[in-house]
N, C-alpha and C. Protein backbone atom coordinates (compact mmCIF):
# COMPACT_ATOMS: atom_id res chain seq x y z
N ALA A 1 0.88 -1.21 0.12
CA ALA A 1 0.11 0.12 0.02
C ALA A 1 0.97 1.33 -0.04
N ARG A 2 0.35 2.29 -0.88
CA ARG A 2 0.97 3.36 -0.48
C ARG A 2 0.75 4.25 0.51
N GLY A 3 1.53 5.32 1.10
CA GLY A 3 1.64 6.01 2.06
C GLY A 3 2.24 7.48 1.95
N VAL A 4 1.91 8.20 2.97
CA VAL A 4 2.66 9.49 3.13
C VAL A 4 2.74 9.71 4.77
N GLU A 5 3.92 9.85 4.96
CA GLU A 5 4.50 10.22 6.57
C GLU A 5 5.18 11.36 6.09
N PHE A 6 5.22 12.59 6.93
CA PHE A 6 5.79 13.80 7.29
C PHE A 6 6.09 13.97 5.95
N GLY A 7 5.36 14.19 5.17
CA GLY A 7 5.24 14.85 3.50
C GLY A 7 6.10 13.97 2.64
N VAL A 8 6.49 12.99 3.07
CA VAL A 8 7.45 12.22 2.16
C VAL A 8 6.55 10.90 1.63
N GLU A 9 6.10 10.59 0.32
CA GLU A 9 5.55 9.59 -0.17
C GLU A 9 6.23 8.51 -0.25
N SER A 10 5.31 7.49 -0.04
CA SER A 10 6.19 5.87 -0.15
C SER A 10 5.56 4.98 -1.01
N THR A 11 6.10 4.06 -1.77
CA THR A 11 5.21 3.21 -2.55
C THR A 11 4.87 1.68 -1.35
N GLY A 12 5.30 1.81 -0.59
CA GLY A 12 5.05 0.77 0.53
C GLY A 12 5.57 -0.60 -0.25
N CYS A 13 5.49 -1.48 0.63
CA CYS A 13 5.93 -2.72 0.12
C CYS A 13 5.29 -3.39 -1.00
N GLY A 14 4.00 -3.09 -1.57
CA GLY A 14 3.58 -3.70 -2.76
C GLY A 14 2.74 -4.86 -2.74
N GLN A 15 2.45 -5.14 -1.55
CA GLN A 15 1.68 -6.41 -1.14
C GLN A 15 0.21 -6.15 -1.39
N TRP A 16 -0.36 -5.17 -1.41
CA TRP A 16 -2.00 -5.04 -1.64
C TRP A 16 -1.77 -3.22 -2.44
N PRO A 17 -2.82 -3.32 -2.79
CA PRO A 17 -3.25 -1.96 -3.59
C PRO A 17 -3.89 -0.86 -2.56
N GLY A 18 -3.72 0.12 -2.72
CA GLY A 18 -4.41 1.22 -1.76
C GLY A 18 -3.48 2.08 -1.32
N SER A 19 -3.79 2.75 -0.40
CA SER A 19 -3.08 3.67 0.55
C SER A 19 -3.49 3.75 2.09
N VAL A 20 -2.35 3.76 2.63
CA VAL A 20 -2.27 4.20 4.21
C VAL A 20 -2.26 5.70 4.57
N VAL A 21 -3.15 5.96 5.49
CA VAL A 21 -3.05 7.46 5.94
C VAL A 21 -3.08 7.67 7.14
N ARG A 22 -2.82 8.83 7.70
CA ARG A 22 -3.17 9.23 9.08
C ARG A 22 -4.41 9.17 9.41
N LEU A 23 -4.76 8.59 10.78
CA LEU A 23 -6.05 8.33 11.09
C LEU A 23 -6.53 9.57 11.35
N ASP A 24 -8.00 9.88 11.32
CA ASP A 24 -8.62 11.04 11.61
C ASP A 24 -9.34 11.09 12.35
N ALA A 25 -8.94 11.35 13.98
CA ALA A 25 -9.11 10.96 15.46
C ALA A 25 -8.70 11.77 16.12
N PRO A 26 -9.52 12.26 17.18
CA PRO A 26 -9.19 13.11 18.34
C PRO A 26 -8.01 12.72 18.93
N VAL A 27 -7.52 11.62 19.08
CA VAL A 27 -6.45 11.29 19.92
C VAL A 27 -5.70 10.04 18.84
N ILE A 28 -4.38 10.50 18.92
CA ILE A 28 -3.45 9.82 18.07
C ILE A 28 -2.30 9.69 18.76
N PRO A 29 -1.46 8.71 19.10
CA PRO A 29 -1.92 7.34 18.27
C PRO A 29 -3.15 6.56 18.90
N HIS A 30 -3.82 5.79 18.38
CA HIS A 30 -4.73 4.92 18.80
C HIS A 30 -4.03 3.90 19.30
N MET A 31 -4.49 4.07 20.77
CA MET A 31 -3.90 2.98 21.78
C MET A 31 -5.29 2.48 22.39
N GLY A 32 -5.37 1.05 22.40
CA GLY A 32 -6.71 0.52 23.08
C GLY A 32 -6.77 -0.83 22.32
N TRP A 33 -7.68 -1.42 23.29
CA TRP A 33 -8.72 -2.58 22.86
C TRP A 33 -9.71 -2.42 22.09
N ASN A 34 -10.00 -2.87 20.90
CA ASN A 34 -11.33 -2.98 20.09
C ASN A 34 -11.43 -4.31 19.69
N VAL A 35 -12.62 -4.27 19.33
CA VAL A 35 -13.49 -5.76 18.80
C VAL A 35 -12.98 -5.31 17.29
N VAL A 36 -13.05 -6.53 16.37
CA VAL A 36 -13.34 -6.37 14.98
C VAL A 36 -14.41 -6.92 14.28
N ASP A 37 -14.42 -6.62 13.26
CA ASP A 37 -15.54 -7.13 12.34
C ASP A 37 -15.17 -7.89 11.28
N SER A 38 -15.62 -9.26 11.42
CA SER A 38 -14.83 -10.27 10.83
C SER A 38 -16.07 -11.29 10.08
N PRO A 39 -15.53 -11.37 8.54
CA PRO A 39 -16.73 -12.14 7.88
C PRO A 39 -16.95 -13.27 8.57
N ALA A 40 -18.02 -13.96 8.39
CA ALA A 40 -18.60 -15.15 8.89
C ALA A 40 -17.73 -16.34 8.70
N GLY A 41 -17.26 -17.57 8.97
CA GLY A 41 -16.91 -18.39 8.64
C GLY A 41 -15.21 -18.22 8.59
N ARG A 42 -14.51 -17.36 8.86
CA ARG A 42 -13.32 -17.14 9.13
C ARG A 42 -12.65 -17.96 10.00
N VAL A 43 -11.49 -18.66 9.66
CA VAL A 43 -11.03 -20.01 10.11
C VAL A 43 -10.11 -19.28 11.52
N LEU A 44 -9.88 -18.05 11.01
CA LEU A 44 -8.73 -17.32 11.97
C LEU A 44 -9.44 -17.09 13.23
N PHE A 45 -10.93 -16.84 13.17
CA PHE A 45 -11.59 -16.31 14.30
C PHE A 45 -12.23 -17.42 14.99
N LYS A 46 -12.40 -18.90 14.40
CA LYS A 46 -13.05 -19.85 14.62
C LYS A 46 -13.16 -19.90 16.27
N GLY A 47 -14.41 -20.30 16.79
CA GLY A 47 -14.24 -20.63 18.45
C GLY A 47 -14.21 -19.25 19.11
N MET A 48 -13.70 -18.25 18.65
CA MET A 48 -13.75 -16.71 19.35
C MET A 48 -15.06 -15.94 19.73
N ASP A 49 -15.26 -15.48 20.73
CA ASP A 49 -16.65 -14.74 20.79
C ASP A 49 -16.41 -13.61 19.91
N ALA A 50 -17.80 -13.01 19.45
CA ALA A 50 -18.08 -12.00 18.60
C ALA A 50 -17.48 -10.45 19.56
N ASP A 51 -17.34 -10.52 20.87
CA ASP A 51 -16.96 -9.40 21.43
C ASP A 51 -15.52 -9.37 22.04
N THR A 52 -14.62 -10.58 21.28
CA THR A 52 -13.17 -10.68 21.60
C THR A 52 -12.77 -8.95 21.16
N ARG A 53 -11.70 -8.81 22.05
CA ARG A 53 -10.74 -7.41 21.61
C ARG A 53 -9.42 -8.02 21.55
N PHE A 54 -8.48 -6.92 20.50
CA PHE A 54 -7.44 -6.98 20.13
C PHE A 54 -6.59 -5.77 20.19
N TYR A 55 -5.54 -5.45 21.08
CA TYR A 55 -4.95 -4.32 21.29
C TYR A 55 -4.35 -3.83 19.89
N PHE A 56 -4.67 -2.32 19.93
CA PHE A 56 -4.02 -1.80 18.72
C PHE A 56 -3.34 -0.44 19.32
N VAL A 57 -2.36 -0.46 18.39
CA VAL A 57 -1.21 0.83 18.94
C VAL A 57 -0.67 1.37 17.20
N HIS A 58 -1.16 2.75 17.04
CA HIS A 58 -0.83 2.77 15.41
C HIS A 58 -1.58 4.35 15.47
N SER A 59 -1.02 5.38 14.28
CA SER A 59 -1.39 6.20 14.18
C SER A 59 -1.77 6.65 12.73
N TYR A 60 -1.51 5.17 11.58
CA TYR A 60 -1.93 5.37 10.40
C TYR A 60 -2.56 3.94 10.33
N ALA A 61 -3.23 3.82 8.98
CA ALA A 61 -4.07 2.88 8.74
C ALA A 61 -4.66 2.93 7.22
N ALA A 62 -4.86 1.82 6.52
CA ALA A 62 -5.80 1.47 5.56
C ALA A 62 -7.33 1.76 5.67
N GLN A 63 -7.77 2.60 5.31
CA GLN A 63 -9.06 2.81 5.48
C GLN A 63 -9.98 2.74 4.19
N GLN A 64 -9.61 1.98 3.43
CA GLN A 64 -10.15 1.70 2.20
C GLN A 64 -9.52 0.61 1.46
N TRP A 65 -10.47 -0.14 1.05
CA TRP A 65 -9.59 -1.56 0.35
C TRP A 65 -10.25 -1.24 -1.33
N GLU A 66 -8.98 -1.55 -1.97
CA GLU A 66 -8.71 -1.05 -3.26
C GLU A 66 -8.50 -2.46 -4.02
N GLY A 67 -8.40 -3.78 -3.44
CA GLY A 67 -8.16 -4.63 -4.09
C GLY A 67 -9.55 -5.56 -4.49
N ASP A 68 -9.31 -7.11 -4.57
CA ASP A 68 -10.45 -8.12 -4.63
C ASP A 68 -11.68 -7.85 -3.94
N PRO A 69 -12.61 -7.26 -4.49
CA PRO A 69 -13.86 -7.03 -3.90
C PRO A 69 -14.48 -8.09 -3.04
N ASN A 70 -14.07 -9.22 -3.17
CA ASN A 70 -14.48 -10.71 -2.74
C ASN A 70 -13.62 -11.27 -1.31
N ALA A 71 -12.67 -10.16 -1.20
CA ALA A 71 -11.67 -10.57 -0.20
C ALA A 71 -12.38 -10.66 0.80
N LEU A 72 -12.00 -11.47 1.81
CA LEU A 72 -12.38 -11.19 3.22
C LEU A 72 -11.63 -11.08 4.29
N LEU A 73 -12.15 -9.36 4.52
CA LEU A 73 -11.55 -8.49 5.20
C LEU A 73 -11.76 -8.33 6.73
N THR A 74 -11.25 -7.81 7.66
CA THR A 74 -11.44 -7.52 9.18
C THR A 74 -11.14 -6.07 9.25
N TRP A 75 -12.28 -5.55 9.83
CA TRP A 75 -12.30 -3.91 10.24
C TRP A 75 -12.16 -3.81 11.66
N ALA A 76 -11.86 -2.77 12.11
CA ALA A 76 -11.90 -2.36 13.33
C ALA A 76 -12.29 -0.59 13.32
N THR A 77 -12.46 0.03 14.33
CA THR A 77 -12.96 1.65 14.13
C THR A 77 -12.27 2.38 15.11
N HIS A 78 -11.59 3.18 14.81
CA HIS A 78 -11.17 4.02 15.78
C HIS A 78 -11.76 5.52 15.18
N HIS A 79 -12.76 6.20 15.44
CA HIS A 79 -13.12 7.11 14.95
C HIS A 79 -13.84 7.16 13.46
N VAL A 80 -12.89 6.36 12.50
CA VAL A 80 -13.06 6.10 11.41
C VAL A 80 -12.76 4.49 11.44
N PRO A 81 -13.43 3.76 10.19
CA PRO A 81 -13.07 2.45 9.96
C PRO A 81 -11.69 2.19 9.39
N PHE A 82 -11.03 1.02 10.13
CA PHE A 82 -9.94 0.81 9.16
C PHE A 82 -9.43 -0.77 8.92
N LEU A 83 -8.73 -1.32 7.93
CA LEU A 83 -8.36 -2.60 8.07
C LEU A 83 -7.72 -2.75 9.32
N ALA A 84 -7.93 -4.18 9.94
CA ALA A 84 -7.27 -4.58 10.78
C ALA A 84 -6.68 -6.00 10.53
């Protein structure tokens, strides 16, 4: 994913399309426990409660997905949704 930090643009690692941007939130960095929204049937989350929380520490995130529309993505929210 592409990104910009301190005014310097980066092409990223090229593993997926899209951009990583600074979170638009009143408190940065985002540090805390959040639930994630996962598609039903994901093996990775099999047996976990829907309200299981994961710890996040970040200021930048991919907020849009420009790849395969059928991809099984997991999202979380810190004032705005982001790929988790």
